[in-house]
N, C-alpha and C. Protein backbone atom coordinates (compact mmCIF):
# COMPACT_ATOMS: atom_id res chain seq x y z
N MET A 1 119.00 -114.79 -163.90
CA MET A 1 117.66 -114.18 -164.54
C MET A 1 117.11 -113.03 -164.39
N PRO A 2 117.11 -112.47 -165.65
CA PRO A 2 116.98 -111.03 -165.49
C PRO A 2 115.66 -110.35 -165.14
N PHE A 3 115.75 -109.50 -164.32
CA PHE A 3 114.34 -109.00 -163.68
C PHE A 3 113.76 -107.61 -164.55
N VAL A 4 112.71 -107.58 -164.80
CA VAL A 4 112.17 -106.28 -165.68
C VAL A 4 111.46 -105.61 -164.14
N THR A 5 111.78 -104.35 -164.17
CA THR A 5 111.03 -103.32 -163.40
C THR A 5 110.15 -102.69 -164.18
N ILE A 6 108.72 -102.73 -163.61
CA ILE A 6 107.56 -101.95 -164.30
C ILE A 6 107.43 -100.70 -163.31
N SER A 7 107.48 -99.72 -164.14
CA SER A 7 107.25 -98.61 -163.17
C SER A 7 105.71 -98.28 -162.90
N LYS A 8 105.27 -97.49 -161.86
CA LYS A 8 103.82 -97.56 -161.33
C LYS A 8 103.37 -96.02 -162.25
N PRO A 9 102.01 -96.03 -162.30
CA PRO A 9 101.68 -95.23 -163.09
C PRO A 9 101.70 -93.61 -162.36
N SER A 10 101.92 -92.53 -162.79
CA SER A 10 102.54 -91.34 -162.49
C SER A 10 101.46 -91.09 -161.29
N PRO A 11 100.23 -90.86 -161.28
CA PRO A 11 99.33 -90.42 -160.10
C PRO A 11 99.74 -91.39 -158.91
N LEU A 12 99.85 -92.88 -158.84
CA LEU A 12 100.08 -93.33 -157.71
C LEU A 12 101.37 -93.12 -157.12
N ASN A 13 102.41 -93.22 -158.36
CA ASN A 13 103.79 -92.83 -157.40
C ASN A 13 103.66 -91.48 -156.86
N TRP A 14 103.08 -90.44 -157.39
CA TRP A 14 103.03 -89.17 -156.76
C TRP A 14 102.56 -89.19 -155.33
N LEU A 15 101.32 -90.05 -155.14
CA LEU A 15 100.54 -90.09 -154.19
C LEU A 15 101.37 -90.90 -153.15
N GLU A 16 102.02 -91.94 -153.57
CA GLU A 16 103.08 -92.56 -152.73
C GLU A 16 103.99 -91.45 -152.16
N GLY A 17 104.68 -90.62 -152.93
CA GLY A 17 105.57 -89.85 -152.53
C GLY A 17 105.19 -88.71 -151.56
N PHE A 18 103.81 -88.25 -151.71
CA PHE A 18 103.34 -87.44 -150.97
C PHE A 18 103.01 -87.86 -149.42
N ALA A 19 102.34 -88.94 -149.54
CA ALA A 19 101.93 -89.55 -148.39
C ALA A 19 103.58 -89.75 -147.46
N LEU A 20 104.81 -90.40 -148.13
CA LEU A 20 105.83 -90.62 -147.46
C LEU A 20 106.47 -89.34 -146.80
N THR A 21 106.30 -88.31 -147.77
CA THR A 21 106.77 -87.10 -147.10
C THR A 21 105.96 -86.60 -146.03
N THR A 22 104.69 -86.59 -146.12
CA THR A 22 103.63 -86.12 -144.97
C THR A 22 104.14 -86.87 -144.09
N ILE A 23 104.09 -88.19 -143.87
CA ILE A 23 104.06 -88.98 -142.52
C ILE A 23 105.35 -89.03 -141.99
N LEU A 24 106.33 -89.18 -142.80
CA LEU A 24 107.65 -89.50 -142.15
C LEU A 24 108.70 -88.11 -141.95
N GLN A 25 108.29 -87.34 -142.77
CA GLN A 25 109.09 -85.92 -142.50
C GLN A 25 108.19 -84.79 -141.81
N GLY A 26 106.89 -84.70 -142.38
CA GLY A 26 105.97 -83.45 -141.83
C GLY A 26 105.59 -83.74 -140.42
N LEU A 27 104.96 -85.15 -140.13
CA LEU A 27 104.17 -85.26 -139.01
C LEU A 27 105.33 -85.04 -137.94
N PRO A 28 106.28 -85.52 -137.71
CA PRO A 28 106.95 -85.63 -136.63
C PRO A 28 107.44 -83.93 -135.95
N ILE A 29 107.79 -83.25 -137.18
CA ILE A 29 107.94 -81.83 -136.78
C ILE A 29 106.80 -81.26 -136.09
N PHE A 30 105.45 -81.26 -136.76
CA PHE A 30 104.11 -80.46 -136.06
C PHE A 30 103.85 -81.42 -134.86
N ALA A 31 104.02 -82.53 -134.74
CA ALA A 31 103.60 -83.11 -133.76
C ALA A 31 104.50 -82.98 -132.41
N ALA A 32 105.92 -82.52 -132.43
CA ALA A 32 106.61 -82.08 -131.45
C ALA A 32 106.36 -80.37 -131.23
N ALA A 33 105.97 -79.90 -132.08
CA ALA A 33 105.18 -78.37 -132.14
C ALA A 33 104.06 -78.33 -131.31
N SER A 34 103.09 -79.01 -131.38
CA SER A 34 101.97 -79.29 -130.70
C SER A 34 102.10 -79.47 -129.31
N LEU A 35 103.25 -80.56 -129.10
CA LEU A 35 103.42 -81.27 -127.65
C LEU A 35 104.51 -79.95 -126.74
N MET A 36 104.96 -79.13 -127.82
CA MET A 36 105.52 -77.68 -126.96
C MET A 36 104.34 -76.65 -126.47
N VAL A 37 103.26 -76.47 -127.28
CA VAL A 37 102.31 -75.80 -127.18
C VAL A 37 101.61 -75.98 -126.37
N LYS A 38 101.25 -77.29 -125.80
CA LYS A 38 100.57 -77.99 -124.60
C LYS A 38 101.43 -77.82 -123.47
N LEU A 39 102.79 -78.12 -123.70
CA LEU A 39 103.65 -77.91 -122.55
C LEU A 39 103.56 -76.39 -121.83
N LEU A 40 103.30 -75.58 -122.84
CA LEU A 40 103.62 -74.33 -122.71
C LEU A 40 102.01 -73.79 -121.91
N GLY A 41 101.00 -74.91 -121.79
CA GLY A 41 99.90 -74.18 -121.44
C GLY A 41 98.66 -73.68 -122.12
N HIS A 42 98.95 -73.39 -123.47
CA HIS A 42 98.08 -72.77 -124.37
C HIS A 42 97.55 -73.79 -125.09
N ASP A 43 96.00 -73.47 -125.16
CA ASP A 43 94.94 -74.42 -125.62
C ASP A 43 94.09 -73.65 -126.76
N TYR A 44 94.72 -73.42 -127.74
CA TYR A 44 94.29 -72.37 -128.89
C TYR A 44 93.64 -73.34 -129.79
N GLY A 45 92.43 -72.85 -130.27
CA GLY A 45 91.94 -73.63 -131.49
C GLY A 45 91.27 -74.79 -131.05
N GLY A 46 91.10 -75.74 -132.04
CA GLY A 46 90.30 -76.68 -131.86
C GLY A 46 91.09 -78.14 -131.45
N SER A 47 91.04 -79.17 -132.46
CA SER A 47 91.52 -80.43 -132.53
C SER A 47 93.22 -80.42 -132.59
N HIS A 48 94.05 -80.77 -131.83
CA HIS A 48 95.59 -81.00 -132.08
C HIS A 48 95.66 -81.95 -133.14
N VAL A 49 94.90 -82.98 -133.30
CA VAL A 49 95.13 -83.98 -134.27
C VAL A 49 94.49 -83.16 -135.64
N LEU A 50 93.93 -82.65 -136.05
CA LEU A 50 93.64 -81.82 -137.09
C LEU A 50 94.44 -80.83 -137.49
N THR A 51 94.83 -80.24 -136.62
CA THR A 51 95.99 -78.98 -136.79
C THR A 51 97.48 -79.83 -137.11
N ILE A 52 97.85 -80.79 -136.63
CA ILE A 52 98.84 -81.50 -136.99
C ILE A 52 98.96 -82.20 -138.33
N ALA A 53 97.72 -82.99 -138.55
CA ALA A 53 97.44 -83.31 -140.25
C ALA A 53 97.38 -82.27 -141.14
N LEU A 54 96.59 -80.95 -140.89
CA LEU A 54 97.04 -80.25 -142.06
C LEU A 54 97.91 -79.51 -141.88
N ALA A 55 98.80 -79.13 -140.96
CA ALA A 55 100.04 -78.67 -141.04
C ALA A 55 101.12 -79.58 -142.15
N SER A 56 100.84 -81.02 -141.78
CA SER A 56 101.88 -81.84 -142.24
C SER A 56 101.71 -82.09 -143.79
N VAL A 57 100.25 -82.02 -144.27
CA VAL A 57 100.02 -81.80 -145.47
C VAL A 57 100.31 -80.67 -146.09
N PHE A 58 100.21 -79.34 -145.56
CA PHE A 58 100.47 -78.25 -145.89
C PHE A 58 102.19 -78.18 -146.24
N TYR A 59 102.91 -78.94 -145.21
CA TYR A 59 104.29 -78.89 -145.22
C TYR A 59 104.95 -79.60 -146.59
N SER A 60 104.19 -80.66 -146.78
CA SER A 60 104.51 -81.53 -147.82
C SER A 60 104.24 -80.99 -149.32
N ILE A 61 103.07 -80.23 -149.26
CA ILE A 61 102.93 -79.34 -150.37
C ILE A 61 103.85 -78.18 -150.53
N LEU A 62 104.35 -77.76 -149.59
CA LEU A 62 105.05 -76.72 -150.07
C LEU A 62 106.91 -77.30 -150.25
N VAL A 63 107.05 -78.43 -149.70
CA VAL A 63 108.35 -78.85 -149.96
C VAL A 63 108.38 -79.22 -151.24
N ILE A 64 107.59 -80.17 -151.72
CA ILE A 64 107.40 -80.54 -153.19
C ILE A 64 107.32 -79.56 -154.42
N ALA A 65 106.49 -78.42 -153.75
CA ALA A 65 106.38 -77.48 -155.15
C ALA A 65 107.73 -76.55 -154.71
N SER A 66 108.38 -76.12 -153.84
CA SER A 66 109.23 -75.63 -153.80
C SER A 66 110.68 -76.26 -154.42
N ALA A 67 110.72 -77.52 -154.10
CA ALA A 67 111.96 -78.54 -154.74
C ALA A 67 111.68 -78.63 -156.34
N SER A 68 110.49 -78.51 -156.83
CA SER A 68 110.49 -78.67 -158.32
C SER A 68 110.66 -77.34 -159.13
N ALA A 69 110.28 -76.21 -158.12
CA ALA A 69 110.73 -74.81 -158.71
C ALA A 69 111.92 -74.28 -158.57
N PHE A 70 112.50 -74.60 -157.36
CA PHE A 70 113.99 -74.22 -157.08
C PHE A 70 114.79 -75.44 -156.67
N PRO A 71 115.43 -76.05 -157.64
CA PRO A 71 116.12 -77.37 -157.52
C PRO A 71 117.20 -77.34 -156.63
N LYS A 72 117.88 -76.16 -156.38
CA LYS A 72 118.92 -75.92 -155.28
C LYS A 72 118.46 -76.15 -153.85
N LEU A 73 116.96 -76.02 -153.73
CA LEU A 73 116.88 -75.51 -152.60
C LEU A 73 116.05 -76.86 -152.12
N ARG A 74 116.58 -78.18 -151.93
CA ARG A 74 115.62 -79.02 -151.85
C ARG A 74 116.31 -79.82 -150.37
N SER A 75 115.99 -78.85 -149.21
CA SER A 75 116.36 -79.42 -148.03
C SER A 75 115.61 -80.46 -147.22
N GLY A 76 114.04 -80.32 -147.51
CA GLY A 76 113.47 -81.28 -147.16
C GLY A 76 112.62 -82.43 -148.22
N TYR A 77 113.39 -82.13 -149.27
CA TYR A 77 112.81 -83.01 -150.43
C TYR A 77 113.51 -84.32 -150.51
N GLU A 78 113.04 -85.40 -150.83
CA GLU A 78 113.28 -86.66 -150.97
C GLU A 78 113.03 -87.22 -152.08
N ALA A 79 114.11 -87.03 -152.90
CA ALA A 79 113.80 -87.67 -154.40
C ALA A 79 113.33 -88.98 -154.34
N GLY A 80 114.08 -89.87 -153.47
CA GLY A 80 113.77 -91.64 -153.47
C GLY A 80 112.32 -91.35 -153.24
N PHE A 81 111.46 -90.81 -152.68
CA PHE A 81 110.14 -90.97 -152.51
C PHE A 81 109.42 -91.08 -153.95
N PHE A 82 109.65 -90.31 -154.69
CA PHE A 82 109.00 -90.23 -155.98
C PHE A 82 109.77 -91.10 -157.18
N ASP A 83 110.42 -91.94 -156.98
CA ASP A 83 111.03 -92.78 -157.87
C ASP A 83 110.02 -94.06 -158.27
N ALA A 84 109.38 -94.10 -159.53
CA ALA A 84 108.55 -94.75 -159.88
C ALA A 84 109.10 -96.33 -159.90
N GLY A 85 110.62 -96.57 -160.10
CA GLY A 85 110.88 -97.82 -160.03
C GLY A 85 110.92 -98.89 -158.85
N LEU A 86 110.76 -97.94 -157.86
CA LEU A 86 110.80 -98.57 -156.44
C LEU A 86 109.45 -98.92 -155.91
N SER A 87 109.28 -99.97 -155.14
CA SER A 87 108.01 -99.97 -154.42
C SER A 87 107.92 -99.40 -153.27
N PHE A 88 106.75 -99.48 -152.28
CA PHE A 88 106.56 -98.46 -151.40
C PHE A 88 107.37 -98.58 -150.28
N SER A 89 107.31 -100.03 -149.91
CA SER A 89 108.67 -100.67 -148.92
C SER A 89 109.90 -100.31 -149.31
N GLU A 90 110.58 -100.49 -150.75
CA GLU A 90 111.65 -100.04 -151.12
C GLU A 90 111.88 -98.61 -150.86
N LYS A 91 110.76 -97.60 -151.23
CA LYS A 91 111.21 -96.34 -150.80
C LYS A 91 111.65 -96.07 -149.75
N ILE A 92 111.05 -96.66 -148.40
CA ILE A 92 111.11 -96.40 -147.35
C ILE A 92 112.63 -97.12 -146.61
N ALA A 93 112.86 -98.12 -147.19
CA ALA A 93 114.37 -98.54 -147.00
C ALA A 93 115.44 -98.02 -147.55
N HIS A 94 115.12 -97.62 -148.69
CA HIS A 94 116.22 -96.75 -149.19
C HIS A 94 116.79 -95.24 -148.35
N TRP A 95 115.53 -94.63 -147.98
CA TRP A 95 115.35 -93.96 -147.17
C TRP A 95 116.14 -93.58 -145.69
N ARG A 96 115.72 -94.83 -145.41
CA ARG A 96 116.04 -95.43 -144.00
C ARG A 96 117.88 -95.76 -144.05
N ALA A 97 118.27 -96.15 -145.17
CA ALA A 97 119.71 -96.29 -145.31
C ALA A 97 120.61 -95.19 -145.08
N LYS A 98 120.04 -93.96 -145.39
CA LYS A 98 120.98 -92.68 -145.15
C LYS A 98 121.27 -92.35 -143.87
N PRO A 99 122.64 -91.77 -143.95
CA PRO A 99 123.20 -91.51 -142.68
C PRO A 99 122.48 -90.39 -141.78
N THR A 100 121.99 -89.37 -142.70
CA THR A 100 121.41 -88.39 -142.12
C THR A 100 119.86 -88.82 -141.70
N THR A 101 119.52 -89.72 -142.38
CA THR A 101 117.73 -90.20 -141.78
C THR A 101 118.07 -90.59 -140.57
N SER A 102 118.92 -91.51 -140.20
CA SER A 102 118.91 -92.23 -138.80
C SER A 102 119.13 -91.10 -137.86
N THR A 103 120.05 -90.01 -138.11
CA THR A 103 120.08 -88.82 -137.16
C THR A 103 118.93 -88.29 -136.94
N GLN A 104 117.95 -87.88 -137.84
CA GLN A 104 116.89 -87.18 -137.84
C GLN A 104 115.47 -88.13 -137.02
N LEU A 105 115.85 -89.58 -137.59
CA LEU A 105 114.77 -90.30 -136.83
C LEU A 105 115.07 -90.53 -135.32
N MET A 106 116.45 -90.47 -134.89
CA MET A 106 116.65 -90.39 -133.40
C MET A 106 116.35 -89.10 -132.99
N ALA A 107 116.50 -87.94 -133.51
CA ALA A 107 116.17 -86.65 -132.90
C ALA A 107 114.73 -86.61 -132.52
N SER A 108 113.98 -86.92 -133.54
CA SER A 108 112.63 -87.09 -133.62
C SER A 108 112.20 -87.88 -132.31
N VAL A 109 112.49 -89.18 -132.21
CA VAL A 109 112.28 -90.08 -131.32
C VAL A 109 112.36 -89.46 -129.82
N LEU A 110 113.59 -88.87 -129.81
CA LEU A 110 114.08 -88.44 -127.98
C LEU A 110 113.56 -87.37 -128.13
N LEU A 111 113.10 -86.12 -128.84
CA LEU A 111 112.39 -85.01 -128.60
C LEU A 111 110.73 -85.39 -128.48
N LEU A 112 110.29 -86.21 -129.06
CA LEU A 112 108.54 -86.59 -128.92
C LEU A 112 108.86 -87.12 -127.63
N SER A 113 109.78 -87.93 -127.41
CA SER A 113 109.35 -88.89 -125.86
C SER A 113 109.67 -87.88 -124.54
N LEU A 114 110.61 -87.03 -124.90
CA LEU A 114 110.78 -86.06 -123.77
C LEU A 114 109.62 -85.24 -123.61
N LEU A 115 109.13 -84.81 -124.81
CA LEU A 115 107.98 -83.75 -124.55
C LEU A 115 106.78 -84.56 -124.20
N ALA A 116 106.52 -85.74 -124.66
CA ALA A 116 105.36 -86.33 -124.00
C ALA A 116 105.44 -86.95 -122.60
N THR A 117 106.55 -87.06 -122.13
CA THR A 117 107.02 -87.52 -120.70
C THR A 117 106.61 -86.16 -120.03
N ILE A 118 107.01 -85.29 -120.59
CA ILE A 118 106.98 -83.65 -119.58
C ILE A 118 105.35 -83.42 -119.66
N VAL A 119 104.88 -83.46 -120.90
CA VAL A 119 103.34 -82.79 -120.97
C VAL A 119 102.48 -83.98 -120.07
N GLY A 120 102.67 -85.19 -120.03
CA GLY A 120 101.99 -86.40 -119.27
C GLY A 120 100.74 -86.60 -120.11
């Protein structure tokens, strides 16, 4: 029985890709950076949560904009996040199936666990 896939509207697809880029790629980077700053004993600025959230959002904007402007520089850009034919969970499943993703996730988990243990 053939299945017909219906693509999502463009704004919804872009929002899903942006959210996945922000949460899965930007958030671990800036959470680790925030823990490192806390480990050093510096408490500059206000809320660490707000700083991490804004930095993750700006990271996603920069990665998406630079990938569309410079196609050869797609180091942080994940094209599968913006595939309109995939559902939200399928986008995550395709991303997790890549070998580099498992390495990235393991490194993030170990780094965040180590920093959280040290900072206490």
